[in-house]
C-alpha atoms as a PDB file:
ATOM      1  CA  UNK A   1     138.692  66.904  48.698  1.00  0.00           C
ATOM      2  CA  UNK A   2     142.365  66.768  49.717  1.00  0.00           C
ATOM      3  CA  UNK A   3     142.661  63.248  48.280  1.00  0.00           C
ATOM      4  CA  UNK A   4     141.216  64.485  44.994  1.00  0.00           C
ATOM      5  CA  UNK A   5     143.790  67.329  44.871  1.00  0.00           C
ATOM      6  CA  UNK A   6     146.554  64.879  45.711  1.00  0.00           C
ATOM      7  CA  UNK A   7     145.494  62.464  42.986  1.00  0.00           C
ATOM      8  CA  UNK A   8     145.222  65.202  40.413  1.00  0.00           C
ATOM      9  CA  UNK A   9     148.678  66.517  41.312  1.00  0.00           C
ATOM     10  CA  UNK A  10     150.145  63.051  41.337  1.00  0.00           C
ATOM     11  CA  UNK A  11     148.637  62.287  37.904  1.00  0.00           C
ATOM     12  CA  UNK A  12     149.874  65.587  36.583  1.00  0.00           C
ATOM     13  CA  UNK A  13     153.410  65.302  37.813  1.00  0.00           C
ATOM     14  CA  UNK A  14     153.659  61.603  36.662  1.00  0.00           C
ATOM     15  CA  UNK A  15     152.395  62.269  33.191  1.00  0.00           C
ATOM     16  CA  UNK A  16     153.684  65.808  32.617  1.00  0.00           C
ATOM     17  CA  UNK A  17     156.181  64.578  30.148  1.00  0.00           C
ATOM     18  CA  UNK A  18     153.821  62.266  28.293  1.00  0.00           C
ATOM     19  CA  UNK A  19     150.838  64.593  27.817  1.00  0.00           C
ATOM     20  CA  UNK A  20     150.456  67.317  25.270  1.00  0.00           C
ATOM     21  CA  UNK A  21     149.771  70.921  26.188  1.00  0.00           C
ATOM     22  CA  UNK A  22     145.914  70.685  25.953  1.00  0.00           C
ATOM     23  CA  UNK A  23     145.763  67.623  28.040  1.00  0.00           C
ATOM     24  CA  UNK A  24     148.147  69.101  30.571  1.00  0.00           C
ATOM     25  CA  UNK A  25     146.041  72.357  30.528  1.00  0.00           C
ATOM     26  CA  UNK A  26     142.988  70.336  31.140  1.00  0.00           C
ATOM     27  CA  UNK A  27     144.671  68.490  34.185  1.00  0.00           C
ATOM     28  CA  UNK A  28     145.990  71.812  35.544  1.00  0.00           C
ATOM     29  CA  UNK A  29     142.504  73.236  35.345  1.00  0.00           C
ATOM     30  CA  UNK A  30     141.139  70.128  37.148  1.00  0.00           C
ATOM     31  CA  UNK A  31     143.798  70.495  39.833  1.00  0.00           C
ATOM     32  CA  UNK A  32     143.073  74.204  40.258  1.00  0.00           C
ATOM     33  CA  UNK A  33     139.280  73.361  40.486  1.00  0.00           C
ATOM     34  CA  UNK A  34     139.995  70.772  43.114  1.00  0.00           C
ATOM     35  CA  UNK A  35     142.212  73.207  44.999  1.00  0.00           C
ATOM     36  CA  UNK A  36     139.448  75.877  44.816  1.00  0.00           C
ATOM     37  CA  UNK A  37     136.894  73.374  46.184  1.00  0.00           C
ATOM     38  CA  UNK A  38     139.355  72.309  48.911  1.00  0.00           C
ATOM     39  CA  UNK A  39     140.054  75.922  49.898  1.00  0.00           C
ATOM     40  CA  UNK A  40     136.305  76.663  49.911  1.00  0.00           C
ATOM     41  CA  UNK A  41     135.670  73.567  52.144  1.00  0.00           C
ATOM     42  CA  UNK A  42     138.500  74.735  54.522  1.00  0.00           C
ATOM     43  CA  UNK A  43     137.038  78.224  54.641  1.00  0.00           C
ATOM     44  CA  UNK A  44     133.597  76.793  55.302  1.00  0.00           C
ATOM     45  CA  UNK A  45     135.055  74.660  58.019  1.00  0.00           C
ATOM     46  CA  UNK A  46     136.896  77.559  59.569  1.00  0.00           C
ATOM     47  CA  UNK A  47     133.727  79.656  59.398  1.00  0.00           C
ATOM     48  CA  UNK A  48     131.787  76.820  61.074  1.00  0.00           C
ATOM     49  CA  UNK A  49     134.499  76.405  63.649  1.00  0.00           C
ATOM     50  CA  UNK A  50     134.465  80.204  64.450  1.00  0.00           C
ATOM     51  CA  UNK A  51     130.536  80.133  64.654  1.00  0.00           C
ATOM     52  CA  UNK A  52     130.706  77.014  66.916  1.00  0.00           C
ATOM     53  CA  UNK A  53     133.332  78.704  69.103  1.00  0.00           C
ATOM     54  CA  UNK A  54     131.337  81.846  69.341  1.00  0.00           C
ATOM     55  CA  UNK A  55     128.081  79.813  70.043  1.00  0.00           C
ATOM     56  CA  UNK A  56     129.864  77.812  72.755  1.00  0.00           C
ATOM     57  CA  UNK A  57     131.121  81.107  74.341  1.00  0.00           C
ATOM     58  CA  UNK A  58     127.611  82.500  74.185  1.00  0.00           C
ATOM     59  CA  UNK A  59     126.226  79.276  75.686  1.00  0.00           C
ATOM     60  CA  UNK A  60     128.724  79.408  78.494  1.00  0.00           C
ATOM     61  CA  UNK A  61     127.971  83.061  79.073  1.00  0.00           C
ATOM     62  CA  UNK A  62     124.190  82.331  79.031  1.00  0.00           C
ATOM     63  CA  UNK A  63     124.845  79.499  81.505  1.00  0.00           C
ATOM     64  CA  UNK A  64     126.745  81.774  83.825  1.00  0.00           C
ATOM     65  CA  UNK A  65     123.953  84.362  83.573  1.00  0.00           C
ATOM     66  CA  UNK A  66     121.365  81.667  84.333  1.00  0.00           C
ATOM     67  CA  UNK A  67     123.394  80.494  87.274  1.00  0.00           C
ATOM     68  CA  UNK A  68     123.853  84.000  88.671  1.00  0.00           C
ATOM     69  CA  UNK A  69     120.066  84.605  88.153  1.00  0.00           C
ATOM     70  CA  UNK A  70     119.344  81.337  90.000  1.00  0.00           C
ATOM     71  CA  UNK A  71     121.695  82.262  92.817  1.00  0.00           C
ATOM     72  CA  UNK A  72     120.098  85.725  93.053  1.00  0.00           C
ATOM     73  CA  UNK A  73     116.548  84.232  92.866  1.00  0.00           C
ATOM     74  CA  UNK A  74     117.576  81.733  95.627  1.00  0.00           C
ATOM     75  CA  UNK A  75     118.967  84.598  97.742  1.00  0.00           C
ATOM     76  CA  UNK A  76     115.633  86.554  97.086  1.00  0.00           C
ATOM     77  CA  UNK A  77     113.628  83.477  98.104  1.00  0.00           C
ATOM     78  CA  UNK A  78     115.665  83.064 101.295  1.00  0.00           C
ATOM     79  CA  UNK A  79     115.165  86.875 102.093  1.00  0.00           C
ATOM     80  CA  UNK A  80     111.418  86.627 101.330  1.00  0.00           C
ATOM     81  CA  UNK A  81     111.094  83.611 103.437  1.00  0.00           C
ATOM     82  CA  UNK A  82     112.633  85.295 106.375  1.00  0.00           C
ATOM     83  CA  UNK A  83     110.331  88.307 105.792  1.00  0.00           C
ATOM     84  CA  UNK A  84     107.374  86.010 105.588  1.00  0.00           C
ATOM     85  CA  UNK A  85     108.301  84.350 108.892  1.00  0.00           C
ATOM     86  CA  UNK A  86     108.779  87.774 110.450  1.00  0.00           C
ATOM     87  CA  UNK A  87     105.465  88.979 108.936  1.00  0.00           C
ATOM     88  CA  UNK A  88     103.647  85.937 110.308  1.00  0.00           C
ATOM     89  CA  UNK A  89     105.139  86.419 113.736  1.00  0.00           C
ATOM     90  CA  UNK A  90     104.076  90.150 113.649  1.00  0.00           C
ATOM     91  CA  UNK A  91     100.623  89.097 112.534  1.00  0.00           C
ATOM     92  CA  UNK A  92     100.295  86.537 115.303  1.00  0.00           C
ATOM     93  CA  UNK A  93     101.615  89.169 117.842  1.00  0.00           C
ATOM     94  CA  UNK A  94      98.980  91.718 116.573  1.00  0.00           C
ATOM     95  CA  UNK A  95      96.112  89.098 116.852  1.00  0.00           C
ATOM     96  CA  UNK A  96      97.275  88.302 120.387  1.00  0.00           C
ATOM     97  CA  UNK A  97      97.255  92.071 121.222  1.00  0.00           C
ATOM     98  CA  UNK A  98      93.853  92.494 119.609  1.00  0.00           C
ATOM     99  CA  UNK A  99      92.505  89.523 121.732  1.00  0.00           C
ATOM    100  CA  UNK A 100      94.042  90.998 124.872  1.00  0.00           C
ATOM    101  CA  UNK A 101      92.555  94.397 123.960  1.00  0.00           C
ATOM    102  CA  UNK A 102      89.048  92.832 123.583  1.00  0.00           C
ATOM    103  CA  UNK A 103      89.382  91.109 127.042  1.00  0.00           C
ATOM    104  CA  UNK A 104      90.613  94.379 128.589  1.00  0.00           C
ATOM    105  CA  UNK A 105      87.847  96.347 127.000  1.00  0.00           C
ATOM    106  CA  UNK A 106      85.314  93.963 128.392  1.00  0.00           C
ATOM    107  CA  UNK A 107      86.561  94.598 131.962  1.00  0.00           C
ATOM    108  CA  UNK A 108      85.785  97.816 133.765  1.00  0.00           C
ATOM    109  CA  UNK A 109      88.396 100.506 133.779  1.00  0.00           C
ATOM    110  CA  UNK A 110      90.954 100.880 136.601  1.00  0.00           C
ATOM    111  CA  UNK A 111      89.184 103.984 137.892  1.00  0.00           C
ATOM    112  CA  UNK A 112      85.810 102.114 137.967  1.00  0.00           C
ATOM    113  CA  UNK A 113      87.514  99.167 139.805  1.00  0.00           C
ATOM    114  CA  UNK A 114      89.159 101.501 142.325  1.00  0.00           C
ATOM    115  CA  UNK A 115      85.788 103.185 143.023  1.00  0.00           C
ATOM    116  CA  UNK A 116      84.084  99.811 143.401  1.00  0.00           C
ATOM    117  CA  UNK A 117      86.871  98.793 145.782  1.00  0.00           C
ATOM    118  CA  UNK A 118      86.560 101.957 147.862  1.00  0.00           C
ATOM    119  CA  UNK A 119      82.713 101.433 148.011  1.00  0.00           C
ATOM    120  CA  UNK A 120      83.349  97.843 149.035  1.00  0.00           C
ATOM    121  CA  UNK A 121      85.836  98.821 151.623  1.00  0.00           C
ATOM    122  CA  UNK A 122      83.468 101.508 153.033  1.00  0.00           C
ATOM    123  CA  UNK A 123      80.618  98.982 153.118  1.00  0.00           C
ATOM    124  CA  UNK A 124      82.980  96.452 154.742  1.00  0.00           C
ATOM    125  CA  UNK A 125      83.907  99.027 157.499  1.00  0.00           C
ATOM    126  CA  UNK A 126      80.198  99.776 157.940  1.00  0.00           C
ATOM    127  CA  UNK A 127      79.304  96.103 158.173  1.00  0.00           C
ATOM    128  CA  UNK A 128      82.221  95.478 160.574  1.00  0.00           C
ATOM    129  CA  UNK A 129      81.083  98.458 162.758  1.00  0.00           C
ATOM    130  CA  UNK A 130      77.543  97.241 162.551  1.00  0.00           C
ATOM    131  CA  UNK A 131      78.738  93.650 163.540  1.00  0.00           C
ATOM    132  CA  UNK A 132      80.667  94.988 166.432  1.00  0.00           C
ATOM    133  CA  UNK A 133      77.588  96.977 167.519  1.00  0.00           C
ATOM    134  CA  UNK A 134      75.453  93.958 167.276  1.00  0.00           C
ATOM    135  CA  UNK A 135      77.964  91.901 169.159  1.00  0.00           C
ATOM    136  CA  UNK A 136      77.945  94.429 171.917  1.00  0.00           C
ATOM    137  CA  UNK A 137      74.074  94.478 171.896  1.00  0.00           C
ATOM    138  CA  UNK A 138      74.030  90.650 171.951  1.00  0.00           C
ATOM    139  CA  UNK A 139      76.463  90.658 174.916  1.00  0.00           C
ATOM    140  CA  UNK A 140      74.324  93.193 176.691  1.00  0.00           C
ATOM    141  CA  UNK A 141      71.146  91.344 175.925  1.00  0.00           C
ATOM    142  CA  UNK A 142      72.775  87.998 177.031  1.00  0.00           C
ATOM    143  CA  UNK A 143      73.739  89.742 180.253  1.00  0.00           C
ATOM    144  CA  UNK A 144      70.206  91.094 180.736  1.00  0.00           C
ATOM    145  CA  UNK A 145      68.803  87.692 179.872  1.00  0.00           C
ATOM    146  CA  UNK A 146      71.148  86.010 182.413  1.00  0.00           C
ATOM    147  CA  UNK A 147      70.036  88.667 185.036  1.00  0.00           C
ATOM    148  CA  UNK A 148      66.444  88.077 184.071  1.00  0.00           C
ATOM    149  CA  UNK A 149      66.847  84.322 184.416  1.00  0.00           C
ATOM    150  CA  UNK A 150      68.621  84.837 187.674  1.00  0.00           C
ATOM    151  CA  UNK A 151      65.889  87.131 188.890  1.00  0.00           C
ATOM    152  CA  UNK A 152      63.322  84.562 187.691  1.00  0.00           C
ATOM    153  CA  UNK A 153      65.143  81.791 189.450  1.00  0.00           C
ATOM    154  CA  UNK A 154      65.247  84.055 192.654  1.00  0.00           C
ATOM    155  CA  UNK A 155      61.540  84.812 192.342  1.00  0.00           C
ATOM    156  CA  UNK A 156      60.770  81.170 191.793  1.00  0.00           C
ATOM    157  CA  UNK A 157      62.749  80.247 194.903  1.00  0.00           C
ATOM    158  CA  UNK A 158      61.115  83.092 196.825  1.00  0.00           C
ATOM    159  CA  UNK A 159      57.690  81.948 195.538  1.00  0.00           C
ATOM    160  CA  UNK A 160      58.402  78.385 196.594  1.00  0.00           C
ATOM    161  CA  UNK A 161      59.639  79.661 199.976  1.00  0.00           C
ATOM    162  CA  UNK A 162      56.477  81.721 200.430  1.00  0.00           C
ATOM    163  CA  UNK A 163      54.249  78.854 199.264  1.00  0.00           C
ATOM    164  CA  UNK A 164      56.119  76.571 201.667  1.00  0.00           C
ATOM    165  CA  UNK A 165      55.660  79.079 204.409  1.00  0.00           C
ATOM    166  CA  UNK A 166      51.984  79.401 203.621  1.00  0.00           C
ATOM    167  CA  UNK A 167      51.556  75.700 203.698  1.00  0.00           C
ATOM    168  CA  UNK A 168      53.402  75.531 207.020  1.00  0.00           C
ATOM    169  CA  UNK A 169      50.945  78.211 208.256  1.00  0.00           C
ATOM    170  CA  UNK A 170      47.882  76.409 206.937  1.00  0.00           C
ATOM    171  CA  UNK A 171      49.091  73.017 207.994  1.00  0.00           C
ATOM    172  CA  UNK A 172      48.863  73.657 211.809  1.00  0.00           C
ATOM    173  CA  UNK A 173      45.390  74.824 211.444  1.00  0.00           C
ATOM    174  CA  UNK A 174      44.340  71.606 209.956  1.00  0.00           C
ATOM    175  CA  UNK A 175      45.629  69.789 212.914  1.00  0.00           C
END
């Protein structure tokens, strides 16, 4: 467009003296038309440039917003990941507590255990006393048995002595 304007102006200025008024008027109108077209093209280019500049600014703002949202989302993900790890640890702890509770509930209570221990201690004392009594009885019976055996031995030796004495008495008679 600018070249067309320059050509029209050059032709007009070079032939201004040679042309008559109508031809000059025609070339002036052509030059004005070319200038208007050039002005329109420049205006159009300026409008496109302003639109492009605005779109670039909007794009950059949009990119910044997306980046900020991505950073926020990343921070949210990290926070939620931490919460998830904590929640899993808490759930595992609760499951362990529940398992311990089941085991504890299967066992007798402390009071029942203490009562059972007291019963067993009482029974142990009774058995210990009974054992001591049986040991004394056994010792007494062993002593009695030893005395009996000693008496039996004495009686046997006395019986042998009497039998020997009787045989001695009966023996001279046979002679």
